[in-house]
């Protein structure tokens, strides 16, 4: 027995897509901003502390407390607060 094909599947339709258009930046105005060296230095000085920075300071706090048993979160949170406040 022969199978019947629907008219839609018998003809394959080809579709064309348009390439996305890029917006031109040729007409965009360029604004120059003067940068104060003091502002740049203070931004560098107030960098976000890294995991290692916090770990080193937390270990120092732990040694200052006499290296007790217990939770290290106390020293870690104190080190984070100290470094983020600086």
N, C-alpha and C. Protein backbone atom coordinates (compact mmCIF):
# COMPACT_ATOMS: atom_id res chain seq x y z
N UNK A 1 0.84 -1.16 0.00
CA UNK A 1 0.00 0.00 0.00
C UNK A 1 0.89 1.23 0.00
N UNK A 2 0.57 2.15 -0.82
CA UNK A 2 1.35 3.37 -0.97
C UNK A 2 0.94 4.36 0.11
N UNK A 3 1.94 5.08 0.62
CA UNK A 3 1.63 6.07 1.64
C UNK A 3 1.39 7.41 0.99
N UNK A 4 0.48 8.15 1.58
CA UNK A 4 0.17 9.47 1.02
C UNK A 4 0.95 10.52 1.77
N UNK A 5 1.44 11.47 1.04
CA UNK A 5 2.15 12.58 1.65
C UNK A 5 1.24 13.79 1.62
N UNK A 6 1.29 14.53 2.68
CA UNK A 6 0.48 15.75 2.69
C UNK A 6 1.13 16.78 1.78
N UNK A 7 0.35 17.68 1.23
CA UNK A 7 0.92 18.68 0.33
C UNK A 7 1.96 19.56 1.00
N UNK A 8 1.82 19.79 2.31
CA UNK A 8 2.78 20.66 3.00
C UNK A 8 4.15 20.00 3.11
N UNK A 9 4.19 18.69 3.31
CA UNK A 9 5.47 18.03 3.45
C UNK A 9 6.10 17.70 2.11
N UNK A 10 5.28 17.68 1.06
CA UNK A 10 5.81 17.37 -0.26
C UNK A 10 6.71 18.49 -0.76
N UNK A 11 6.34 19.71 -0.47
CA UNK A 11 7.15 20.84 -0.89
C UNK A 11 7.86 21.42 0.31
N UNK A 12 9.15 21.52 0.21
CA UNK A 12 9.90 22.11 1.31
C UNK A 12 10.04 23.59 1.04
N UNK A 13 9.65 24.35 2.01
CA UNK A 13 9.74 25.78 1.87
C UNK A 13 11.07 26.25 2.42
N UNK A 14 11.70 27.13 1.71
CA UNK A 14 12.94 27.70 2.20
C UNK A 14 12.64 29.08 2.77
N UNK A 15 13.23 29.35 3.88
CA UNK A 15 13.04 30.65 4.50
C UNK A 15 14.38 31.37 4.52
N UNK A 16 14.29 32.64 4.41
CA UNK A 16 15.51 33.44 4.48
C UNK A 16 15.45 34.31 5.71
N UNK A 17 16.56 34.44 6.34
CA UNK A 17 16.66 35.28 7.53
C UNK A 17 17.53 36.48 7.23
N UNK A 18 17.15 37.56 7.81
CA UNK A 18 17.97 38.75 7.66
C UNK A 18 19.05 38.73 8.73
N UNK A 19 20.21 39.15 8.36
CA UNK A 19 21.31 39.24 9.32
C UNK A 19 21.02 40.36 10.30
N UNK A 20 21.37 40.19 11.56
CA UNK A 20 21.13 41.26 12.53
C UNK A 20 21.94 42.49 12.15
N UNK A 21 21.30 43.62 12.31
CA UNK A 21 21.97 44.87 11.96
C UNK A 21 22.71 45.41 13.16
N UNK A 22 23.88 45.95 12.90
CA UNK A 22 24.67 46.55 13.95
C UNK A 22 24.41 48.04 13.96
N UNK A 23 24.27 48.57 15.14
CA UNK A 23 24.05 50.00 15.26
C UNK A 23 25.38 50.72 15.06
N UNK A 24 25.33 51.74 14.30
CA UNK A 24 26.54 52.50 14.00
C UNK A 24 26.90 53.39 15.18
N UNK A 25 28.16 53.36 15.55
CA UNK A 25 28.62 54.22 16.63
C UNK A 25 29.40 55.42 16.08
N UNK A 26 29.35 55.60 14.78
CA UNK A 26 30.09 56.70 14.17
C UNK A 26 29.51 58.05 14.59
N UNK A 27 28.23 58.11 14.82
CA UNK A 27 27.60 59.37 15.18
C UNK A 27 27.58 59.60 16.69
N UNK A 28 28.02 58.64 17.46
CA UNK A 28 27.98 58.78 18.92
C UNK A 28 29.04 59.77 19.36
N UNK A 29 28.68 60.62 20.30
CA UNK A 29 29.61 61.62 20.82
C UNK A 29 30.53 60.97 21.85
N UNK A 30 31.78 61.31 21.81
CA UNK A 30 32.75 60.78 22.75
C UNK A 30 33.02 61.86 23.79
N UNK A 31 32.84 61.46 25.05
CA UNK A 31 33.03 62.42 26.13
C UNK A 31 34.33 62.08 26.87
N UNK A 32 35.17 63.07 27.05
CA UNK A 32 36.40 62.86 27.79
C UNK A 32 36.20 63.33 29.22
N UNK A 33 36.74 62.56 30.13
CA UNK A 33 36.59 62.87 31.55
C UNK A 33 37.98 63.00 32.15
N UNK A 34 38.19 64.08 32.88
CA UNK A 34 39.47 64.26 33.56
C UNK A 34 39.49 63.37 34.80
N UNK A 35 40.60 62.68 35.00
CA UNK A 35 40.73 61.76 36.12
C UNK A 35 41.73 62.34 37.11
N UNK A 36 41.30 62.43 38.35
CA UNK A 36 42.15 62.95 39.41
C UNK A 36 43.04 61.82 39.93
N UNK A 37 44.36 61.98 39.96
CA UNK A 37 45.24 60.90 40.43
C UNK A 37 44.96 60.49 41.87
N UNK A 38 44.51 61.41 42.70
CA UNK A 38 44.21 61.08 44.09
C UNK A 38 43.03 60.11 44.15
N UNK A 39 42.04 60.33 43.29
CA UNK A 39 40.88 59.45 43.24
C UNK A 39 41.28 58.05 42.80
N UNK A 40 42.15 57.96 41.82
CA UNK A 40 42.62 56.67 41.33
C UNK A 40 43.40 55.94 42.42
N UNK A 41 44.28 56.65 43.12
CA UNK A 41 45.05 56.03 44.19
C UNK A 41 44.16 55.54 45.32
N UNK A 42 43.13 56.30 45.67
CA UNK A 42 42.25 55.87 46.75
C UNK A 42 41.41 54.68 46.30
N UNK A 43 41.07 54.62 45.02
CA UNK A 43 40.30 53.48 44.52
C UNK A 43 41.15 52.21 44.55
N UNK A 44 42.43 52.36 44.24
CA UNK A 44 43.33 51.20 44.29
C UNK A 44 43.55 50.78 45.74
N UNK A 45 43.67 51.75 46.63
CA UNK A 45 43.90 51.44 48.03
C UNK A 45 42.68 50.75 48.65
N UNK A 46 41.48 51.04 48.17
CA UNK A 46 40.27 50.45 48.72
C UNK A 46 39.81 49.27 47.88
N UNK A 47 40.73 48.42 47.50
CA UNK A 47 40.35 47.25 46.71
C UNK A 47 39.64 46.24 47.60
N UNK A 48 38.92 45.37 47.00
CA UNK A 48 38.20 44.33 47.73
C UNK A 48 39.20 43.30 48.23
N UNK A 49 39.13 42.96 49.52
CA UNK A 49 40.08 41.97 50.04
C UNK A 49 39.82 40.59 49.44
N UNK A 50 40.89 39.86 49.20
CA UNK A 50 40.77 38.52 48.64
C UNK A 50 40.57 37.50 49.76
N UNK A 51 40.26 36.30 49.36
CA UNK A 51 40.09 35.20 50.30
C UNK A 51 41.37 35.00 51.12
N UNK A 52 42.51 35.08 50.45
CA UNK A 52 43.79 34.88 51.14
C UNK A 52 44.06 35.99 52.15
N UNK A 53 43.71 37.24 51.79
CA UNK A 53 43.89 38.35 52.74
C UNK A 53 43.10 38.10 54.02
N UNK A 54 41.86 37.68 53.86
CA UNK A 54 41.00 37.42 55.02
C UNK A 54 41.54 36.25 55.82
N UNK A 55 41.98 35.20 55.14
CA UNK A 55 42.48 34.01 55.83
C UNK A 55 43.72 34.32 56.65
N UNK A 56 44.62 35.13 56.11
CA UNK A 56 45.85 35.47 56.83
C UNK A 56 45.54 36.27 58.08
N UNK A 57 44.65 37.26 57.94
CA UNK A 57 44.30 38.08 59.09
C UNK A 57 43.51 37.27 60.13
N UNK A 58 42.65 36.38 59.69
CA UNK A 58 41.89 35.53 60.61
C UNK A 58 42.83 34.62 61.41
N UNK A 59 43.86 34.13 60.76
CA UNK A 59 44.83 33.29 61.47
C UNK A 59 45.60 34.11 62.50
N UNK A 60 45.93 35.35 62.16
CA UNK A 60 46.60 36.22 63.12
C UNK A 60 45.71 36.46 64.34
N UNK A 61 44.43 36.72 64.10
CA UNK A 61 43.49 36.91 65.22
C UNK A 61 43.38 35.65 66.06
N UNK A 62 43.41 34.49 65.42
CA UNK A 62 43.32 33.21 66.13
C UNK A 62 44.54 33.01 67.02
N UNK A 63 45.72 33.37 66.51
CA UNK A 63 46.94 33.27 67.31
C UNK A 63 46.90 34.24 68.49
N UNK A 64 46.36 35.45 68.25
CA UNK A 64 46.25 36.43 69.33
C UNK A 64 45.33 35.95 70.45
N UNK A 65 44.33 35.17 70.10
CA UNK A 65 43.39 34.66 71.11
C UNK A 65 43.93 33.42 71.81
N UNK A 66 45.12 32.99 71.47
CA UNK A 66 45.71 31.84 72.14
C UNK A 66 45.40 30.52 71.47
N UNK A 67 45.00 30.53 70.23
CA UNK A 67 44.68 29.35 69.42
C UNK A 67 43.73 28.40 70.13
N UNK A 68 42.56 28.91 70.53
CA UNK A 68 41.61 28.05 71.25
C UNK A 68 40.86 27.11 70.31
N UNK A 69 40.31 26.05 70.90
CA UNK A 69 39.41 25.18 70.13
C UNK A 69 38.08 25.90 70.00
N UNK A 70 37.34 25.54 69.00
CA UNK A 70 36.04 26.17 68.83
C UNK A 70 35.80 26.54 67.39
N UNK A 71 34.95 27.54 67.23
CA UNK A 71 34.57 27.91 65.87
C UNK A 71 35.51 28.97 65.30
N UNK A 72 36.00 28.74 64.10
CA UNK A 72 36.88 29.72 63.46
C UNK A 72 36.11 30.89 62.84
N UNK A 73 34.77 30.79 62.84
CA UNK A 73 33.97 31.85 62.23
C UNK A 73 34.15 33.19 62.94
N UNK A 74 34.42 33.15 64.25
CA UNK A 74 34.60 34.38 65.01
C UNK A 74 35.78 35.17 64.45
N UNK A 75 36.90 34.50 64.23
CA UNK A 75 38.08 35.16 63.71
C UNK A 75 37.88 35.57 62.25
N UNK A 76 37.22 34.73 61.48
CA UNK A 76 36.98 35.03 60.07
C UNK A 76 36.10 36.27 59.92
N UNK A 77 35.02 36.34 60.67
CA UNK A 77 34.12 37.48 60.58
C UNK A 77 34.80 38.76 61.07
N UNK A 78 35.63 38.64 62.09
CA UNK A 78 36.37 39.81 62.57
C UNK A 78 37.36 40.29 61.52
N UNK A 79 38.03 39.35 60.85
CA UNK A 79 38.98 39.71 59.79
C UNK A 79 38.27 40.38 58.61
N UNK A 80 37.11 39.83 58.22
CA UNK A 80 36.35 40.44 57.13
C UNK A 80 35.93 41.86 57.49
N UNK A 81 35.41 42.03 58.69
CA UNK A 81 34.96 43.36 59.12
C UNK A 81 36.12 44.35 59.13
N UNK A 82 37.28 43.89 59.58
CA UNK A 82 38.44 44.76 59.64
C UNK A 82 38.91 45.18 58.26
N UNK A 83 38.97 44.22 57.34
CA UNK A 83 39.48 44.52 56.00
C UNK A 83 38.48 45.35 55.17
N UNK A 84 37.21 45.07 55.32
CA UNK A 84 36.23 45.84 54.55
C UNK A 84 36.07 47.25 55.10
N UNK A 85 36.35 47.45 56.38
CA UNK A 85 36.25 48.78 56.97
C UNK A 85 37.44 49.65 56.57
N UNK A 86 38.55 49.01 56.22
CA UNK A 86 39.77 49.77 55.88
C UNK A 86 39.65 50.47 54.55
